Amino acid sequence: MTSVDVAHDQGTKWDWPFQKGDGVVKVLEYEDHFEVGLEAFNFEPNEIDVKNVGEFLEIHMAHTAKDDKFGTITRSITRCYRLPKGTDPSTIKSKLDGSGILHITGNKK
């Protein structure tokens, strides 16, 4: 299992089309690379963990417990995606943009 660092950018905007209308995950696949984007609003870069696990990409986002006037709030999301065939795991990169979208890219061999 290999962890992938999460970079952070305040200015990039997300404008890729929706994937199958789910409104959460956007996927583009090309002959030489792939691009995935998913909503990560409310999470900071240090609360996001991206890992390559064999032929899968695992994304885990979690807040530490926070108290408000109603009680304690925690949030945790884990999503797994099968990588496109031929993906070179050493090229996988992730970046959280200023709009709260986590962009993940990787090259194919």
N, C-alpha and C. Protein backbone atom coordinates (compact mmCIF):
# COMPACT_ATOMS: atom_id res chain seq x y z
N MET A 1 0.86 -1.17 0.00
CA MET A 1 0.00 0.00 0.00
C MET A 1 0.91 1.23 0.00
N THR A 2 0.59 2.22 -0.83
CA THR A 2 1.37 3.43 -0.95
C THR A 2 0.49 4.65 -0.70
N SER A 3 0.92 5.54 0.20
CA SER A 3 0.18 6.78 0.43
C SER A 3 0.54 7.79 -0.64
N VAL A 4 -0.43 8.63 -1.00
CA VAL A 4 -0.24 9.68 -2.00
C VAL A 4 -0.44 11.01 -1.29
N ASP A 5 0.56 11.91 -1.35
CA ASP A 5 0.45 13.21 -0.70
C ASP A 5 -0.69 14.02 -1.29
N VAL A 6 -1.34 14.83 -0.47
CA VAL A 6 -2.43 15.70 -0.91
C VAL A 6 -1.91 17.13 -0.93
N ALA A 7 -1.74 17.70 -2.13
CA ALA A 7 -1.33 19.10 -2.27
C ALA A 7 -2.57 19.98 -2.13
N HIS A 8 -2.37 21.28 -1.94
CA HIS A 8 -3.50 22.18 -1.74
C HIS A 8 -3.29 23.45 -2.56
N ASP A 9 -4.34 23.89 -3.26
CA ASP A 9 -4.28 25.08 -4.10
C ASP A 9 -5.52 25.92 -3.86
N GLN A 10 -5.36 27.20 -3.61
CA GLN A 10 -6.49 28.08 -3.31
C GLN A 10 -7.22 28.56 -4.56
N GLY A 11 -6.61 28.49 -5.76
CA GLY A 11 -7.20 29.17 -6.88
C GLY A 11 -7.84 28.34 -7.98
N THR A 12 -7.55 27.07 -8.10
CA THR A 12 -8.06 26.27 -9.21
C THR A 12 -9.56 26.07 -9.10
N LYS A 13 -10.26 26.16 -10.22
CA LYS A 13 -11.70 25.93 -10.24
C LYS A 13 -12.00 24.61 -10.93
N TRP A 14 -13.05 23.95 -10.49
CA TRP A 14 -13.47 22.65 -11.02
C TRP A 14 -14.52 22.86 -12.08
N ASP A 15 -14.28 22.36 -13.31
CA ASP A 15 -15.28 22.54 -14.34
C ASP A 15 -15.45 21.31 -15.22
N TRP A 16 -15.06 20.15 -14.73
CA TRP A 16 -15.25 18.93 -15.50
C TRP A 16 -16.72 18.54 -15.48
N PRO A 17 -17.18 17.83 -16.51
CA PRO A 17 -18.59 17.40 -16.55
C PRO A 17 -18.88 16.32 -15.51
N PHE A 18 -20.16 16.20 -15.16
CA PHE A 18 -20.58 15.16 -14.22
C PHE A 18 -20.41 13.77 -14.82
N GLN A 19 -20.06 12.82 -14.00
CA GLN A 19 -19.96 11.42 -14.40
C GLN A 19 -21.26 10.73 -14.03
N LYS A 20 -22.05 10.35 -15.00
CA LYS A 20 -23.31 9.64 -14.79
C LYS A 20 -24.26 10.40 -13.87
N GLY A 21 -24.14 11.72 -13.82
CA GLY A 21 -25.09 12.55 -13.09
C GLY A 21 -25.08 12.38 -11.59
N ASP A 22 -24.02 11.81 -11.00
CA ASP A 22 -24.05 11.60 -9.55
C ASP A 22 -23.75 12.88 -8.78
N GLY A 23 -23.15 13.88 -9.42
CA GLY A 23 -22.91 15.15 -8.77
C GLY A 23 -21.84 15.12 -7.71
N VAL A 24 -21.19 13.99 -7.48
CA VAL A 24 -20.18 13.88 -6.44
C VAL A 24 -18.82 13.56 -7.05
N VAL A 25 -18.77 12.61 -7.95
CA VAL A 25 -17.50 12.16 -8.53
C VAL A 25 -17.51 12.41 -10.03
N LYS A 26 -16.40 12.96 -10.53
CA LYS A 26 -16.23 13.19 -11.95
C LYS A 26 -15.00 12.41 -12.40
N VAL A 27 -15.12 11.66 -13.48
CA VAL A 27 -14.01 10.83 -13.96
C VAL A 27 -13.80 11.09 -15.44
N LEU A 28 -12.56 11.32 -15.83
CA LEU A 28 -12.18 11.41 -17.24
C LEU A 28 -11.06 10.42 -17.46
N GLU A 29 -11.18 9.61 -18.50
CA GLU A 29 -10.14 8.64 -18.80
C GLU A 29 -9.69 8.84 -20.24
N TYR A 30 -8.38 8.90 -20.42
CA TYR A 30 -7.76 9.09 -21.72
C TYR A 30 -6.82 7.92 -22.00
N GLU A 31 -6.26 7.86 -23.19
CA GLU A 31 -5.34 6.77 -23.51
C GLU A 31 -4.11 6.78 -22.61
N ASP A 32 -3.61 7.99 -22.28
CA ASP A 32 -2.35 8.08 -21.54
C ASP A 32 -2.48 8.46 -20.07
N HIS A 33 -3.68 8.85 -19.61
CA HIS A 33 -3.85 9.23 -18.20
C HIS A 33 -5.33 9.23 -17.81
N PHE A 34 -5.58 9.40 -16.51
CA PHE A 34 -6.94 9.55 -16.01
C PHE A 34 -7.00 10.73 -15.06
N GLU A 35 -8.20 11.28 -14.88
CA GLU A 35 -8.44 12.38 -13.95
C GLU A 35 -9.72 12.07 -13.19
N VAL A 36 -9.67 12.19 -11.87
CA VAL A 36 -10.84 11.97 -11.03
C VAL A 36 -10.98 13.20 -10.15
N GLY A 37 -12.21 13.61 -9.93
CA GLY A 37 -12.46 14.71 -9.01
C GLY A 37 -13.65 14.38 -8.14
N LEU A 38 -13.53 14.64 -6.86
CA LEU A 38 -14.67 14.42 -5.99
C LEU A 38 -14.77 15.53 -4.96
N GLU A 39 -15.99 15.79 -4.56
CA GLU A 39 -16.24 16.85 -3.60
C GLU A 39 -15.60 16.51 -2.26
N ALA A 40 -14.84 17.45 -1.74
CA ALA A 40 -14.20 17.27 -0.44
C ALA A 40 -14.41 18.52 0.40
N PHE A 41 -15.56 19.18 0.17
CA PHE A 41 -15.89 20.38 0.93
C PHE A 41 -15.84 20.03 2.42
N ASN A 42 -15.51 20.97 3.23
CA ASN A 42 -15.47 20.80 4.69
C ASN A 42 -14.28 20.01 5.20
N PHE A 43 -13.37 19.57 4.31
CA PHE A 43 -12.19 18.84 4.76
C PHE A 43 -10.93 19.64 4.43
N GLU A 44 -9.97 19.61 5.33
CA GLU A 44 -8.67 20.24 5.12
C GLU A 44 -7.71 19.19 4.54
N PRO A 45 -6.64 19.63 3.87
CA PRO A 45 -5.70 18.66 3.27
C PRO A 45 -5.18 17.62 4.27
N ASN A 46 -4.94 18.03 5.53
CA ASN A 46 -4.43 17.08 6.51
C ASN A 46 -5.49 16.10 7.01
N GLU A 47 -6.75 16.28 6.58
CA GLU A 47 -7.83 15.37 6.95
C GLU A 47 -8.15 14.38 5.82
N ILE A 48 -7.35 14.43 4.76
CA ILE A 48 -7.59 13.59 3.58
C ILE A 48 -6.40 12.64 3.40
N ASP A 49 -6.72 11.37 3.19
CA ASP A 49 -5.70 10.34 2.99
C ASP A 49 -6.02 9.62 1.68
N VAL A 50 -5.09 9.67 0.73
CA VAL A 50 -5.26 9.01 -0.56
C VAL A 50 -4.22 7.90 -0.65
N LYS A 51 -4.68 6.68 -0.93
CA LYS A 51 -3.76 5.53 -1.01
C LYS A 51 -4.02 4.72 -2.26
N ASN A 52 -2.95 4.18 -2.80
CA ASN A 52 -3.03 3.21 -3.87
C ASN A 52 -2.93 1.84 -3.22
N VAL A 53 -3.98 1.05 -3.33
CA VAL A 53 -4.03 -0.29 -2.73
C VAL A 53 -4.23 -1.29 -3.86
N GLY A 54 -3.13 -1.84 -4.37
CA GLY A 54 -3.22 -2.76 -5.50
C GLY A 54 -3.80 -2.06 -6.71
N GLU A 55 -4.90 -2.58 -7.23
CA GLU A 55 -5.53 -1.98 -8.41
C GLU A 55 -6.60 -0.96 -8.04
N PHE A 56 -6.66 -0.58 -6.76
CA PHE A 56 -7.67 0.36 -6.29
C PHE A 56 -7.05 1.64 -5.75
N LEU A 57 -7.83 2.70 -5.78
CA LEU A 57 -7.50 3.96 -5.16
C LEU A 57 -8.45 4.12 -3.99
N GLU A 58 -7.91 4.33 -2.79
CA GLU A 58 -8.73 4.50 -1.60
C GLU A 58 -8.59 5.93 -1.11
N ILE A 59 -9.71 6.60 -0.95
CA ILE A 59 -9.74 7.98 -0.45
C ILE A 59 -10.49 7.98 0.86
N HIS A 60 -9.83 8.45 1.91
CA HIS A 60 -10.45 8.52 3.23
C HIS A 60 -10.37 9.97 3.71
N MET A 61 -11.51 10.53 4.09
CA MET A 61 -11.58 11.89 4.62
C MET A 61 -12.25 11.83 5.98
N ALA A 62 -11.64 12.44 6.98
CA ALA A 62 -12.21 12.38 8.33
C ALA A 62 -11.88 13.64 9.12
N HIS A 63 -12.89 14.16 9.82
CA HIS A 63 -12.71 15.27 10.76
C HIS A 63 -12.41 14.70 12.14
N THR A 64 -11.68 15.46 12.91
CA THR A 64 -11.61 15.14 14.32
C THR A 64 -12.94 15.59 14.92
N ALA A 65 -13.29 15.08 16.06
CA ALA A 65 -14.57 15.43 16.71
C ALA A 65 -14.58 16.92 17.04
N LYS A 66 -15.70 17.57 16.73
CA LYS A 66 -15.87 19.00 17.03
C LYS A 66 -17.17 19.17 17.80
N ASP A 67 -17.12 20.03 18.81
CA ASP A 67 -18.31 20.30 19.60
C ASP A 67 -19.01 21.55 19.09
N ASP A 68 -20.33 21.51 19.07
CA ASP A 68 -21.13 22.70 18.81
C ASP A 68 -22.25 22.74 19.84
N LYS A 69 -23.21 23.66 19.68
CA LYS A 69 -24.25 23.82 20.70
C LYS A 69 -25.20 22.63 20.78
N PHE A 70 -25.18 21.74 19.76
CA PHE A 70 -26.07 20.58 19.75
C PHE A 70 -25.39 19.29 20.20
N GLY A 71 -24.07 19.29 20.27
CA GLY A 71 -23.34 18.09 20.67
C GLY A 71 -22.02 17.97 19.93
N THR A 72 -21.58 16.75 19.72
CA THR A 72 -20.31 16.49 19.06
C THR A 72 -20.57 16.07 17.62
N ILE A 73 -19.79 16.64 16.69
CA ILE A 73 -19.93 16.33 15.27
C ILE A 73 -18.67 15.63 14.78
N THR A 74 -18.86 14.52 14.08
CA THR A 74 -17.74 13.86 13.40
C THR A 74 -18.20 13.56 11.98
N ARG A 75 -17.26 13.52 11.07
CA ARG A 75 -17.58 13.21 9.68
C ARG A 75 -16.44 12.35 9.13
N SER A 76 -16.80 11.25 8.49
CA SER A 76 -15.82 10.35 7.91
C SER A 76 -16.38 9.75 6.62
N ILE A 77 -15.61 9.84 5.56
CA ILE A 77 -16.03 9.30 4.26
C ILE A 77 -14.88 8.48 3.70
N THR A 78 -15.19 7.28 3.22
CA THR A 78 -14.19 6.46 2.54
C THR A 78 -14.78 6.02 1.21
N ARG A 79 -14.02 6.22 0.14
CA ARG A 79 -14.45 5.81 -1.20
C ARG A 79 -13.30 5.04 -1.83
N CYS A 80 -13.64 3.98 -2.55
CA CYS A 80 -12.64 3.19 -3.27
C CYS A 80 -13.03 3.11 -4.74
N TYR A 81 -12.04 3.25 -5.61
CA TYR A 81 -12.25 3.19 -7.04
C TYR A 81 -11.22 2.28 -7.67
N ARG A 82 -11.65 1.49 -8.65
CA ARG A 82 -10.71 0.66 -9.40
C ARG A 82 -9.96 1.57 -10.35
N LEU A 83 -8.63 1.47 -10.33
CA LEU A 83 -7.82 2.27 -11.24
C LEU A 83 -7.98 1.77 -12.67
N PRO A 84 -7.91 2.68 -13.65
CA PRO A 84 -7.97 2.23 -15.04
C PRO A 84 -6.83 1.26 -15.35
N LYS A 85 -7.08 0.33 -16.24
CA LYS A 85 -6.05 -0.64 -16.61
C LYS A 85 -4.82 0.09 -17.14
N GLY A 86 -3.66 -0.40 -16.72
CA GLY A 86 -2.40 0.17 -17.18
C GLY A 86 -1.91 1.36 -16.41
N THR A 87 -2.59 1.73 -15.31
CA THR A 87 -2.16 2.89 -14.53
C THR A 87 -0.82 2.61 -13.86
N ASP A 88 0.09 3.58 -13.95
CA ASP A 88 1.38 3.51 -13.26
C ASP A 88 1.18 4.10 -11.87
N PRO A 89 1.15 3.29 -10.81
CA PRO A 89 0.87 3.79 -9.45
C PRO A 89 1.83 4.88 -8.99
N SER A 90 3.06 4.87 -9.49
CA SER A 90 4.05 5.87 -9.04
C SER A 90 3.74 7.27 -9.56
N THR A 91 2.80 7.40 -10.51
CA THR A 91 2.47 8.71 -11.08
C THR A 91 1.22 9.33 -10.49
N ILE A 92 0.57 8.65 -9.55
CA ILE A 92 -0.69 9.15 -8.98
C ILE A 92 -0.41 10.35 -8.09
N LYS A 93 -1.17 11.44 -8.35
CA LYS A 93 -1.04 12.68 -7.57
C LYS A 93 -2.43 13.15 -7.18
N SER A 94 -2.51 13.85 -6.06
CA SER A 94 -3.79 14.43 -5.64
C SER A 94 -3.58 15.87 -5.21
N LYS A 95 -4.65 16.67 -5.40
CA LYS A 95 -4.58 18.09 -5.08
C LYS A 95 -5.97 18.57 -4.70
N LEU A 96 -6.07 19.22 -3.56
CA LEU A 96 -7.33 19.81 -3.10
C LEU A 96 -7.35 21.27 -3.55
N ASP A 97 -8.33 21.65 -4.39
CA ASP A 97 -8.36 23.02 -4.88
C ASP A 97 -9.15 23.93 -3.94
N GLY A 98 -9.11 25.21 -4.22
CA GLY A 98 -9.76 26.21 -3.38
C GLY A 98 -11.27 26.11 -3.38
N SER A 99 -11.85 25.36 -4.32
CA SER A 99 -13.30 25.17 -4.37
C SER A 99 -13.75 23.93 -3.61
N GLY A 100 -12.79 23.20 -2.98
CA GLY A 100 -13.14 22.02 -2.20
C GLY A 100 -13.25 20.75 -3.03
N ILE A 101 -12.64 20.73 -4.21
CA ILE A 101 -12.64 19.53 -5.04
C ILE A 101 -11.28 18.87 -4.96
N LEU A 102 -11.28 17.58 -4.68
CA LEU A 102 -10.05 16.80 -4.64
C LEU A 102 -9.82 16.22 -6.04
N HIS A 103 -8.73 16.63 -6.69
CA HIS A 103 -8.36 16.17 -8.03
C HIS A 103 -7.31 15.09 -7.87
N ILE A 104 -7.51 13.96 -8.53
CA ILE A 104 -6.55 12.87 -8.52
C ILE A 104 -6.24 12.51 -9.96
N THR A 105 -4.95 12.45 -10.29
CA THR A 105 -4.53 12.12 -11.65
C THR A 105 -3.49 11.02 -11.62
N GLY A 106 -3.35 10.32 -12.73
CA GLY A 106 -2.34 9.29 -12.86
C GLY A 106 -2.09 8.99 -14.32
N ASN A 107 -0.87 8.62 -14.65
CA ASN A 107 -0.51 8.27 -16.01
C ASN A 107 -0.65 6.77 -16.23
N LYS A 108 -0.85 6.40 -17.47
CA LYS A 108 -0.89 4.99 -17.84
C LYS A 108 0.45 4.62 -18.47
N LYS A 109 0.82 3.36 -18.33
CA LYS A 109 2.09 2.88 -18.88
C LYS A 109 2.02 2.76 -20.38
